[in-house]
Every structure is written in structure tokens, then in C-alpha cells.
Amino acid sequence: MGHLLHQLREEAASGRHAAARPRPIEKVAYVSDGGAPSPPKTGADRAAPSTGTVFIDKAQTTGFRGVPAEVWNLHISGYQVCEKWLKDRTLSKDDIAHYHKIVVALAETIRLMAEIDVVIEKHGGWPGAFSSSAALAKEDATAPAPVAAGKPKAPPADLGLHPEDELPLE
């Protein structure tokens, strides 16, 4: 994530923002760097990584710059995380630093989810990648245990994950 807008940076650095007057959130709005009020959510336009500013005032003069559109659009349990966290809040100096951490954590989460998706596809896709692993684990558990240095190999631990427990993805 980039930086806070100039006004928030100066206030936080001087201590005026956090100690003297916490900043209430008036209105949360995302504006992409291209000036669009909302980043594209689907289609070819989404392929190119873009960033924007999360404004926290009606005049759109104060906010957070450099927030990736992908992070802004991330929904968890039905909530748009970056927007939900800011709603009904008064920002202190610590809140500003915490919001930065949230955006960075969400960006890293998105990156890791993409890596996981690649590995799943490489191993047969969903849910096949997991079915193969379960079958191999069963084979390992039923096969005679090799002996190494007089100690038998322990069977793989049951993690409690079973294909029949999976919920359908929508």
C-alpha cells in the first residue's frame, strides 16, 4: 500500500490527529487512480493491477492512497473488509497504522490464495487434488511400514478432513 494522503500524514506525524482530535469517518469511498469511482470487479479490465484511494470524507480530500483494487474488493464472509473496518469509526493515530497493516495483510492473503490455486490446479484441480492425497494417505496407512534404524514409520496423522465433509462452492 502506498501512503496516507498528505493531510493525514502531517497530522499523524505531528500528533495533532491522534491526540488532539481523532478524525471521524464521514463517508467511505474508493476512487481508482484513473478517476473511476469504483474499481472494475470483473472482466478484462480487472486483469491489470490497479490502485486507488480510499477516501474517508465527503469532500474526498483525506484518505489512504495506493490501496490495490483487488484488496478493496476482497469480501470475507459477505463483508467488504476494507470498507467495513472503516465504517462507524473515529480514526486515531493507531487506527491509521492498523489500517495500513490490514491492507498489507489482505494483499498478502490474496497473493497466497493465488499460489494455492496454482498448486491445486497442478495436482488435478478441485476437489481432485485432495482426493488423490487422501487416497495416497490411505495407501500409506495400509502398506507395510518400512523399518529404518529399528523404528517403524508412523502412519500419516488423520487431520479430520474428509471429502464427504466438503461444502459445495458457489
N, C-alpha and C. Protein backbone atom coordinates (compact mmCIF):
# COMPACT_ATOMS: atom_id res chain seq x y z
N MET A 1 0.84 -1.17 0.00
CA MET A 1 0.00 0.00 0.00
C MET A 1 0.89 1.23 0.00
N GLY A 2 0.41 2.23 -0.65
CA GLY A 2 1.16 3.48 -0.72
C GLY A 2 1.15 4.22 0.60
N HIS A 3 0.78 5.45 0.56
CA HIS A 3 0.83 6.29 1.75
C HIS A 3 -0.52 6.91 2.02
N LEU A 4 -0.65 7.43 3.22
CA LEU A 4 -1.83 8.23 3.51
C LEU A 4 -1.75 9.50 2.70
N LEU A 5 -2.88 10.09 2.47
CA LEU A 5 -2.86 11.39 1.83
C LEU A 5 -2.09 12.37 2.70
N HIS A 6 -1.60 13.39 2.09
CA HIS A 6 -0.72 14.36 2.73
C HIS A 6 -1.29 14.87 4.06
N GLN A 7 -2.55 15.23 4.10
CA GLN A 7 -3.15 15.81 5.30
C GLN A 7 -3.10 14.84 6.48
N LEU A 8 -3.45 13.57 6.26
CA LEU A 8 -3.41 12.59 7.34
C LEU A 8 -1.98 12.34 7.81
N ARG A 9 -1.04 12.28 6.87
CA ARG A 9 0.36 12.05 7.25
C ARG A 9 0.87 13.15 8.15
N GLU A 10 0.62 14.39 7.78
CA GLU A 10 1.11 15.51 8.59
C GLU A 10 0.48 15.50 9.97
N GLU A 11 -0.83 15.26 10.04
CA GLU A 11 -1.50 15.26 11.33
C GLU A 11 -1.01 14.13 12.21
N ALA A 12 -0.85 12.95 11.64
CA ALA A 12 -0.39 11.81 12.43
C ALA A 12 1.05 12.02 12.90
N ALA A 13 1.89 12.55 12.03
CA ALA A 13 3.30 12.77 12.38
C ALA A 13 3.43 13.82 13.48
N SER A 14 2.59 14.84 13.44
CA SER A 14 2.69 15.91 14.43
C SER A 14 1.99 15.54 15.73
N GLY A 15 1.19 14.49 15.69
CA GLY A 15 0.45 14.09 16.88
C GLY A 15 -0.87 14.83 17.01
N ARG A 16 -1.13 15.81 16.14
CA ARG A 16 -2.38 16.58 16.21
C ARG A 16 -3.57 15.67 15.95
N HIS A 17 -3.41 14.74 15.01
CA HIS A 17 -4.55 13.90 14.61
C HIS A 17 -4.98 12.98 15.73
N ALA A 18 -4.06 12.21 16.26
CA ALA A 18 -4.44 11.18 17.22
C ALA A 18 -4.76 11.75 18.60
N ALA A 19 -3.93 12.62 19.09
CA ALA A 19 -4.10 13.07 20.46
C ALA A 19 -5.14 14.19 20.57
N ALA A 20 -5.02 15.20 19.73
CA ALA A 20 -5.86 16.37 19.88
C ALA A 20 -7.27 16.17 19.32
N ARG A 21 -7.38 15.58 18.14
CA ARG A 21 -8.70 15.43 17.54
C ARG A 21 -8.75 14.20 16.64
N PRO A 22 -9.28 13.12 17.16
CA PRO A 22 -9.47 11.95 16.30
C PRO A 22 -10.38 12.31 15.13
N ARG A 23 -10.13 11.71 13.99
CA ARG A 23 -10.86 12.04 12.77
C ARG A 23 -12.05 11.09 12.59
N PRO A 24 -13.27 11.64 12.63
CA PRO A 24 -14.43 10.78 12.38
C PRO A 24 -14.52 10.44 10.89
N ILE A 25 -15.03 9.27 10.60
CA ILE A 25 -15.24 8.85 9.22
C ILE A 25 -16.58 9.42 8.76
N GLU A 26 -16.56 10.26 7.74
CA GLU A 26 -17.79 10.86 7.23
C GLU A 26 -18.44 9.96 6.18
N LYS A 27 -17.64 9.54 5.22
CA LYS A 27 -18.13 8.72 4.11
C LYS A 27 -16.94 7.94 3.55
N VAL A 28 -17.11 6.66 3.35
CA VAL A 28 -16.04 5.83 2.80
C VAL A 28 -16.31 5.65 1.30
N ALA A 29 -15.31 5.99 0.48
CA ALA A 29 -15.44 5.83 -0.97
C ALA A 29 -14.08 5.47 -1.56
N TYR A 30 -14.09 4.58 -2.54
CA TYR A 30 -12.87 4.18 -3.24
C TYR A 30 -12.90 4.83 -4.61
N VAL A 31 -11.80 5.50 -4.97
CA VAL A 31 -11.66 6.09 -6.29
C VAL A 31 -10.36 5.57 -6.88
N SER A 32 -10.46 4.91 -8.04
CA SER A 32 -9.26 4.35 -8.66
C SER A 32 -8.37 5.48 -9.15
N ASP A 33 -7.10 5.16 -9.36
CA ASP A 33 -6.15 6.18 -9.80
C ASP A 33 -6.56 6.80 -11.12
N GLY A 34 -7.33 6.08 -11.92
CA GLY A 34 -7.83 6.60 -13.19
C GLY A 34 -9.02 7.53 -13.02
N GLY A 35 -9.51 7.69 -11.77
CA GLY A 35 -10.60 8.60 -11.51
C GLY A 35 -11.96 7.94 -11.43
N ALA A 36 -12.04 6.64 -11.73
CA ALA A 36 -13.33 5.95 -11.65
C ALA A 36 -13.75 5.82 -10.20
N PRO A 37 -15.03 5.98 -9.90
CA PRO A 37 -15.47 5.91 -8.51
C PRO A 37 -15.35 4.52 -7.89
N SER A 38 -15.32 3.48 -8.69
CA SER A 38 -15.21 2.14 -8.16
C SER A 38 -14.36 1.30 -9.11
N PRO A 39 -13.46 0.46 -8.59
CA PRO A 39 -12.63 -0.34 -9.47
C PRO A 39 -13.45 -1.41 -10.17
N PRO A 40 -12.97 -1.86 -11.36
CA PRO A 40 -13.69 -2.93 -12.05
C PRO A 40 -13.63 -4.21 -11.23
N LYS A 41 -14.74 -4.94 -11.19
CA LYS A 41 -14.81 -6.16 -10.39
C LYS A 41 -14.68 -7.41 -11.24
N THR A 42 -14.96 -7.31 -12.53
CA THR A 42 -14.89 -8.48 -13.40
C THR A 42 -14.41 -8.07 -14.78
N GLY A 43 -14.17 -9.07 -15.60
CA GLY A 43 -13.83 -8.82 -16.99
C GLY A 43 -12.37 -8.53 -17.22
N ALA A 44 -12.07 -8.19 -18.48
CA ALA A 44 -10.68 -7.98 -18.90
C ALA A 44 -10.06 -6.77 -18.22
N ASP A 45 -10.88 -5.76 -17.86
CA ASP A 45 -10.35 -4.56 -17.21
C ASP A 45 -9.71 -4.88 -15.87
N ARG A 46 -10.14 -5.97 -15.25
CA ARG A 46 -9.63 -6.31 -13.92
C ARG A 46 -8.23 -6.94 -14.00
N ALA A 47 -7.83 -7.43 -15.16
CA ALA A 47 -6.56 -8.14 -15.29
C ALA A 47 -5.37 -7.27 -14.91
N ALA A 48 -5.40 -6.01 -15.29
CA ALA A 48 -4.29 -5.12 -14.97
C ALA A 48 -4.42 -4.67 -13.52
N PRO A 49 -3.33 -4.84 -12.72
CA PRO A 49 -3.41 -4.39 -11.33
C PRO A 49 -3.58 -2.88 -11.29
N SER A 50 -4.50 -2.44 -10.44
CA SER A 50 -4.71 -1.01 -10.31
C SER A 50 -4.80 -0.66 -8.83
N THR A 51 -4.57 0.60 -8.56
CA THR A 51 -4.67 1.09 -7.19
C THR A 51 -5.59 2.30 -7.18
N GLY A 52 -5.92 2.69 -5.98
CA GLY A 52 -6.78 3.86 -5.84
C GLY A 52 -6.66 4.43 -4.45
N THR A 53 -7.55 5.34 -4.13
CA THR A 53 -7.56 6.00 -2.84
C THR A 53 -8.87 5.68 -2.13
N VAL A 54 -8.76 5.32 -0.86
CA VAL A 54 -9.93 5.13 -0.02
C VAL A 54 -10.12 6.44 0.72
N PHE A 55 -11.14 7.19 0.31
CA PHE A 55 -11.43 8.46 0.95
C PHE A 55 -12.32 8.24 2.17
N ILE A 56 -12.11 9.08 3.19
CA ILE A 56 -12.89 8.94 4.43
C ILE A 56 -13.70 10.20 4.74
N ASP A 57 -13.74 11.13 3.78
CA ASP A 57 -14.53 12.34 3.98
C ASP A 57 -15.37 12.61 2.74
N LYS A 58 -16.43 13.39 2.92
CA LYS A 58 -17.35 13.67 1.82
C LYS A 58 -16.68 14.46 0.70
N ALA A 59 -15.77 15.35 1.06
CA ALA A 59 -15.09 16.19 0.07
C ALA A 59 -14.01 15.43 -0.70
N GLN A 60 -13.71 14.22 -0.29
CA GLN A 60 -12.66 13.37 -0.88
C GLN A 60 -11.31 14.08 -0.92
N THR A 61 -10.92 14.58 0.26
CA THR A 61 -9.62 15.22 0.40
C THR A 61 -8.71 14.45 1.35
N THR A 62 -9.27 13.53 2.11
CA THR A 62 -8.50 12.80 3.11
C THR A 62 -8.77 11.31 2.96
N GLY A 63 -7.68 10.52 2.97
CA GLY A 63 -7.86 9.08 2.84
C GLY A 63 -6.55 8.34 2.71
N PHE A 64 -6.64 7.14 2.20
CA PHE A 64 -5.49 6.25 2.06
C PHE A 64 -5.21 6.04 0.58
N ARG A 65 -3.99 6.40 0.14
CA ARG A 65 -3.58 6.22 -1.25
C ARG A 65 -2.94 4.87 -1.46
N GLY A 66 -2.97 4.40 -2.70
CA GLY A 66 -2.23 3.20 -3.08
C GLY A 66 -2.88 1.90 -2.65
N VAL A 67 -4.17 1.90 -2.38
CA VAL A 67 -4.86 0.66 -1.99
C VAL A 67 -5.17 -0.11 -3.28
N PRO A 68 -4.65 -1.33 -3.41
CA PRO A 68 -4.93 -2.11 -4.62
C PRO A 68 -6.43 -2.39 -4.75
N ALA A 69 -6.93 -2.29 -5.98
CA ALA A 69 -8.35 -2.54 -6.24
C ALA A 69 -8.75 -3.94 -5.77
N GLU A 70 -7.87 -4.90 -5.99
CA GLU A 70 -8.14 -6.28 -5.58
C GLU A 70 -8.35 -6.38 -4.07
N VAL A 71 -7.56 -5.61 -3.31
CA VAL A 71 -7.70 -5.60 -1.85
C VAL A 71 -9.00 -4.91 -1.46
N TRP A 72 -9.30 -3.77 -2.07
CA TRP A 72 -10.53 -3.06 -1.76
C TRP A 72 -11.75 -3.94 -2.03
N ASN A 73 -11.73 -4.73 -3.09
CA ASN A 73 -12.88 -5.56 -3.48
C ASN A 73 -12.97 -6.88 -2.73
N LEU A 74 -11.99 -7.22 -1.90
CA LEU A 74 -11.99 -8.51 -1.22
C LEU A 74 -13.14 -8.60 -0.22
N HIS A 75 -13.93 -9.64 -0.36
CA HIS A 75 -15.04 -9.91 0.55
C HIS A 75 -14.72 -11.17 1.35
N ILE A 76 -14.94 -11.12 2.64
CA ILE A 76 -14.79 -12.28 3.52
C ILE A 76 -16.08 -12.38 4.32
N SER A 77 -16.70 -13.54 4.27
CA SER A 77 -17.97 -13.79 4.96
C SER A 77 -19.02 -12.74 4.59
N GLY A 78 -19.01 -12.34 3.33
CA GLY A 78 -20.01 -11.41 2.85
C GLY A 78 -19.71 -9.94 3.09
N TYR A 79 -18.60 -9.65 3.76
CA TYR A 79 -18.25 -8.26 4.05
C TYR A 79 -17.07 -7.80 3.20
N GLN A 80 -17.15 -6.57 2.73
CA GLN A 80 -16.02 -5.95 2.05
C GLN A 80 -15.12 -5.41 3.15
N VAL A 81 -14.03 -6.12 3.41
CA VAL A 81 -13.21 -5.93 4.61
C VAL A 81 -12.73 -4.49 4.78
N CYS A 82 -12.11 -3.92 3.75
CA CYS A 82 -11.52 -2.58 3.88
C CYS A 82 -12.57 -1.51 4.15
N GLU A 83 -13.75 -1.67 3.57
CA GLU A 83 -14.81 -0.71 3.81
C GLU A 83 -15.44 -0.92 5.19
N LYS A 84 -15.72 -2.16 5.52
CA LYS A 84 -16.39 -2.49 6.78
C LYS A 84 -15.58 -2.00 7.99
N TRP A 85 -14.26 -2.16 7.93
CA TRP A 85 -13.42 -1.79 9.07
C TRP A 85 -13.50 -0.28 9.34
N LEU A 86 -13.64 0.51 8.28
CA LEU A 86 -13.66 1.96 8.44
C LEU A 86 -15.02 2.51 8.87
N LYS A 87 -16.08 1.81 8.57
CA LYS A 87 -17.44 2.31 8.87
C LYS A 87 -17.62 2.54 10.36
N ASP A 88 -18.33 3.60 10.69
CA ASP A 88 -18.70 3.92 12.08
C ASP A 88 -17.50 3.95 13.02
N ARG A 89 -16.45 4.58 12.59
CA ARG A 89 -15.22 4.62 13.37
C ARG A 89 -14.68 6.05 13.41
N THR A 90 -13.94 6.36 14.44
CA THR A 90 -13.19 7.60 14.53
C THR A 90 -11.73 7.21 14.52
N LEU A 91 -10.98 7.69 13.54
CA LEU A 91 -9.59 7.25 13.37
C LEU A 91 -8.63 7.94 14.32
N SER A 92 -7.89 7.14 15.05
CA SER A 92 -6.78 7.63 15.87
C SER A 92 -5.49 7.35 15.10
N LYS A 93 -4.39 7.80 15.64
CA LYS A 93 -3.09 7.55 15.02
C LYS A 93 -2.84 6.04 14.92
N ASP A 94 -3.21 5.30 15.97
CA ASP A 94 -3.04 3.83 15.95
C ASP A 94 -3.95 3.18 14.92
N ASP A 95 -5.16 3.71 14.75
CA ASP A 95 -6.09 3.16 13.75
C ASP A 95 -5.54 3.32 12.34
N ILE A 96 -4.90 4.45 12.08
CA ILE A 96 -4.31 4.70 10.77
C ILE A 96 -3.23 3.66 10.49
N ALA A 97 -2.36 3.43 11.45
CA ALA A 97 -1.30 2.41 11.29
C ALA A 97 -1.92 1.03 11.14
N HIS A 98 -2.98 0.75 11.90
CA HIS A 98 -3.63 -0.56 11.83
C HIS A 98 -4.27 -0.78 10.47
N TYR A 99 -4.87 0.25 9.89
CA TYR A 99 -5.49 0.11 8.57
C TYR A 99 -4.44 -0.24 7.52
N HIS A 100 -3.27 0.38 7.63
CA HIS A 100 -2.16 0.03 6.73
C HIS A 100 -1.86 -1.46 6.84
N LYS A 101 -1.78 -1.95 8.07
CA LYS A 101 -1.48 -3.37 8.30
C LYS A 101 -2.57 -4.27 7.73
N ILE A 102 -3.82 -3.86 7.86
CA ILE A 102 -4.92 -4.64 7.30
C ILE A 102 -4.77 -4.76 5.79
N VAL A 103 -4.50 -3.65 5.13
CA VAL A 103 -4.37 -3.66 3.67
C VAL A 103 -3.20 -4.54 3.24
N VAL A 104 -2.08 -4.45 3.94
CA VAL A 104 -0.91 -5.29 3.62
C VAL A 104 -1.24 -6.76 3.85
N ALA A 105 -1.91 -7.07 4.96
CA ALA A 105 -2.26 -8.46 5.26
C ALA A 105 -3.22 -9.02 4.21
N LEU A 106 -4.18 -8.22 3.78
CA LEU A 106 -5.11 -8.68 2.76
C LEU A 106 -4.42 -8.88 1.41
N ALA A 107 -3.49 -8.00 1.07
CA ALA A 107 -2.74 -8.17 -0.18
C ALA A 107 -1.93 -9.46 -0.14
N GLU A 108 -1.32 -9.74 0.99
CA GLU A 108 -0.54 -10.98 1.14
C GLU A 108 -1.47 -12.20 1.10
N THR A 109 -2.64 -12.08 1.68
CA THR A 109 -3.62 -13.17 1.65
C THR A 109 -4.03 -13.47 0.21
N ILE A 110 -4.29 -12.44 -0.57
CA ILE A 110 -4.66 -12.62 -1.97
C ILE A 110 -3.53 -13.30 -2.73
N ARG A 111 -2.29 -12.88 -2.47
CA ARG A 111 -1.13 -13.48 -3.14
C ARG A 111 -1.02 -14.96 -2.80
N LEU A 112 -1.18 -15.29 -1.51
CA LEU A 112 -1.09 -16.69 -1.09
C LEU A 112 -2.23 -17.53 -1.65
N MET A 113 -3.43 -16.96 -1.71
CA MET A 113 -4.55 -17.69 -2.29
C MET A 113 -4.28 -18.03 -3.75
N ALA A 114 -3.66 -17.11 -4.48
CA ALA A 114 -3.33 -17.37 -5.89
C ALA A 114 -2.30 -18.50 -5.99
N GLU A 115 -1.30 -18.48 -5.10
CA GLU A 115 -0.30 -19.56 -5.10
C GLU A 115 -0.95 -20.91 -4.82
N ILE A 116 -1.85 -20.93 -3.86
CA ILE A 116 -2.55 -22.17 -3.51
C ILE A 116 -3.38 -22.66 -4.69
N ASP A 117 -4.06 -21.74 -5.38
CA ASP A 117 -4.85 -22.12 -6.55
C ASP A 117 -3.98 -22.76 -7.63
N VAL A 118 -2.78 -22.24 -7.83
CA VAL A 118 -1.85 -22.81 -8.82
C VAL A 118 -1.47 -24.23 -8.44
N VAL A 119 -1.17 -24.44 -7.17
CA VAL A 119 -0.78 -25.78 -6.70
C VAL A 119 -1.96 -26.75 -6.84
N ILE A 120 -3.15 -26.31 -6.50
CA ILE A 120 -4.33 -27.17 -6.62
C ILE A 120 -4.53 -27.57 -8.09
N GLU A 121 -4.44 -26.61 -8.99
CA GLU A 121 -4.59 -26.92 -10.42
C GLU A 121 -3.51 -27.88 -10.90
N LYS A 122 -2.31 -27.68 -10.42
CA LYS A 122 -1.18 -28.53 -10.81
C LYS A 122 -1.41 -29.99 -10.39
N HIS A 123 -2.18 -30.18 -9.34
CA HIS A 123 -2.43 -31.52 -8.81
C HIS A 123 -3.83 -32.04 -9.09
N GLY A 124 -4.44 -31.57 -10.17
CA GLY A 124 -5.70 -32.15 -10.60
C GLY A 124 -6.93 -31.32 -10.37
N GLY A 125 -6.79 -30.12 -9.86
CA GLY A 125 -7.94 -29.26 -9.67
C GLY A 125 -8.74 -29.61 -8.43
N TRP A 126 -9.82 -28.87 -8.24
CA TRP A 126 -10.66 -29.04 -7.06
C TRP A 126 -11.79 -30.00 -7.37
N PRO A 127 -12.15 -30.95 -6.60
CA PRO A 127 -11.53 -31.41 -5.37
C PRO A 127 -10.53 -32.54 -5.61
N GLY A 128 -10.26 -32.83 -6.88
CA GLY A 128 -9.37 -33.94 -7.22
C GLY A 128 -8.00 -33.88 -6.57
N ALA A 129 -7.47 -32.69 -6.40
CA ALA A 129 -6.14 -32.57 -5.78
C ALA A 129 -6.15 -33.14 -4.38
N PHE A 130 -7.29 -33.03 -3.71
CA PHE A 130 -7.38 -33.51 -2.34
C PHE A 130 -7.78 -34.97 -2.28
N SER A 131 -8.55 -35.42 -3.26
CA SER A 131 -8.94 -36.82 -3.31
C SER A 131 -7.72 -37.70 -3.53
N SER A 132 -6.82 -37.26 -4.40
CA SER A 132 -5.60 -38.01 -4.65
C SER A 132 -4.76 -38.11 -3.39
N SER A 133 -4.66 -37.02 -2.66
CA SER A 133 -3.87 -37.01 -1.44
C SER A 133 -4.48 -37.96 -0.41
N ALA A 134 -5.82 -37.96 -0.33
CA ALA A 134 -6.49 -38.84 0.62
C ALA A 134 -6.26 -40.29 0.25
N ALA A 135 -6.30 -40.59 -1.06
CA ALA A 135 -6.08 -41.97 -1.50
C ALA A 135 -4.64 -42.40 -1.20
N LEU A 136 -3.70 -41.50 -1.43
CA LEU A 136 -2.30 -41.82 -1.14
C LEU A 136 -2.09 -42.02 0.36
N ALA A 137 -2.75 -41.22 1.16
CA ALA A 137 -2.61 -41.36 2.61
C ALA A 137 -3.15 -42.70 3.07
N LYS A 138 -4.29 -43.15 2.47
CA LYS A 138 -4.84 -44.45 2.82
C LYS A 138 -3.89 -45.58 2.41
N GLU A 139 -3.30 -45.44 1.20
CA GLU A 139 -2.34 -46.45 0.75
C GLU A 139 -1.15 -46.53 1.69
N ASP A 140 -0.64 -45.35 2.10
CA ASP A 140 0.50 -45.33 3.02
C ASP A 140 0.14 -45.97 4.35
N ALA A 141 -1.09 -45.76 4.81
CA ALA A 141 -1.51 -46.28 6.11
C ALA A 141 -1.68 -47.79 6.08
N THR A 142 -2.09 -48.35 4.93
CA THR A 142 -2.32 -49.79 4.84
C THR A 142 -1.09 -50.56 4.38
N ALA A 143 -0.13 -49.88 3.79
CA ALA A 143 1.08 -50.55 3.31
C ALA A 143 1.94 -50.96 4.50
N PRO A 144 2.70 -52.03 4.33
CA PRO A 144 3.60 -52.42 5.42
C PRO A 144 4.58 -51.28 5.72
N ALA A 145 4.80 -51.04 6.98
CA ALA A 145 5.67 -49.94 7.40
C ALA A 145 7.12 -50.33 7.17
N PRO A 146 7.87 -49.49 6.47
CA PRO A 146 9.29 -49.77 6.31
C PRO A 146 10.02 -49.59 7.64
N VAL A 147 11.06 -50.33 7.79
CA VAL A 147 11.84 -50.25 9.02
C VAL A 147 13.12 -49.49 8.73
N ALA A 148 13.33 -48.44 9.50
CA ALA A 148 14.55 -47.65 9.36
C ALA A 148 15.15 -47.51 10.75
N ALA A 149 16.34 -47.99 10.90
CA ALA A 149 17.07 -47.92 12.17
C ALA A 149 16.25 -48.52 13.31
N GLY A 150 15.52 -49.58 13.02
CA GLY A 150 14.79 -50.29 14.05
C GLY A 150 13.49 -49.64 14.47
N LYS A 151 13.11 -48.50 13.86
CA LYS A 151 11.86 -47.84 14.25
C LYS A 151 10.88 -47.88 13.07
N PRO A 152 9.65 -48.37 13.30
CA PRO A 152 8.69 -48.37 12.21
C PRO A 152 8.19 -46.96 11.92
N LYS A 153 7.87 -46.73 10.64
CA LYS A 153 7.35 -45.44 10.22
C LYS A 153 5.91 -45.31 10.71
N ALA A 154 5.58 -44.19 11.33
CA ALA A 154 4.23 -43.96 11.82
C ALA A 154 3.32 -43.64 10.64
N PRO A 155 2.07 -44.14 10.67
CA PRO A 155 1.14 -43.79 9.58
C PRO A 155 0.82 -42.30 9.63
N PRO A 156 0.44 -41.74 8.48
CA PRO A 156 0.11 -40.31 8.47
C PRO A 156 -1.03 -40.01 9.43
N ALA A 157 -0.96 -38.86 10.04
CA ALA A 157 -1.98 -38.45 11.01
C ALA A 157 -3.28 -38.12 10.28
N ASP A 158 -4.40 -38.46 10.88
CA ASP A 158 -5.70 -38.10 10.33
C ASP A 158 -6.00 -36.67 10.78
N LEU A 159 -6.09 -35.77 9.82
CA LEU A 159 -6.33 -34.36 10.14
C LEU A 159 -7.81 -34.06 10.30
N GLY A 160 -8.65 -35.06 10.12
CA GLY A 160 -10.07 -34.84 10.27
C GLY A 160 -10.72 -34.23 9.05
N LEU A 161 -10.01 -34.15 7.93
CA LEU A 161 -10.56 -33.60 6.70
C LEU A 161 -10.97 -34.75 5.80
N HIS A 162 -12.22 -34.78 5.42
CA HIS A 162 -12.73 -35.87 4.60
C HIS A 162 -13.52 -35.29 3.44
N PRO A 163 -13.37 -35.86 2.22
CA PRO A 163 -14.07 -35.31 1.06
C PRO A 163 -15.58 -35.18 1.26
N GLU A 164 -16.19 -36.10 2.00
CA GLU A 164 -17.63 -36.02 2.20
C GLU A 164 -18.04 -34.85 3.08
N ASP A 165 -17.11 -34.22 3.77
CA ASP A 165 -17.40 -33.08 4.63
C ASP A 165 -17.37 -31.75 3.87
N GLU A 166 -16.94 -31.77 2.60
CA GLU A 166 -16.80 -30.53 1.84
C GLU A 166 -18.14 -29.92 1.55
N LEU A 167 -18.20 -28.60 1.59
CA LEU A 167 -19.39 -27.87 1.23
C LEU A 167 -19.29 -27.49 -0.25
N PRO A 168 -20.39 -27.45 -0.97
CA PRO A 168 -20.33 -27.04 -2.38
C PRO A 168 -19.93 -25.59 -2.50
N LEU A 169 -19.09 -25.30 -3.47
CA LEU A 169 -18.67 -23.92 -3.73
C LEU A 169 -19.64 -23.30 -4.70
N GLU A 170 -20.02 -22.09 -4.44
CA GLU A 170 -20.96 -21.40 -5.33
C GLU A 170 -20.28 -20.24 -6.00
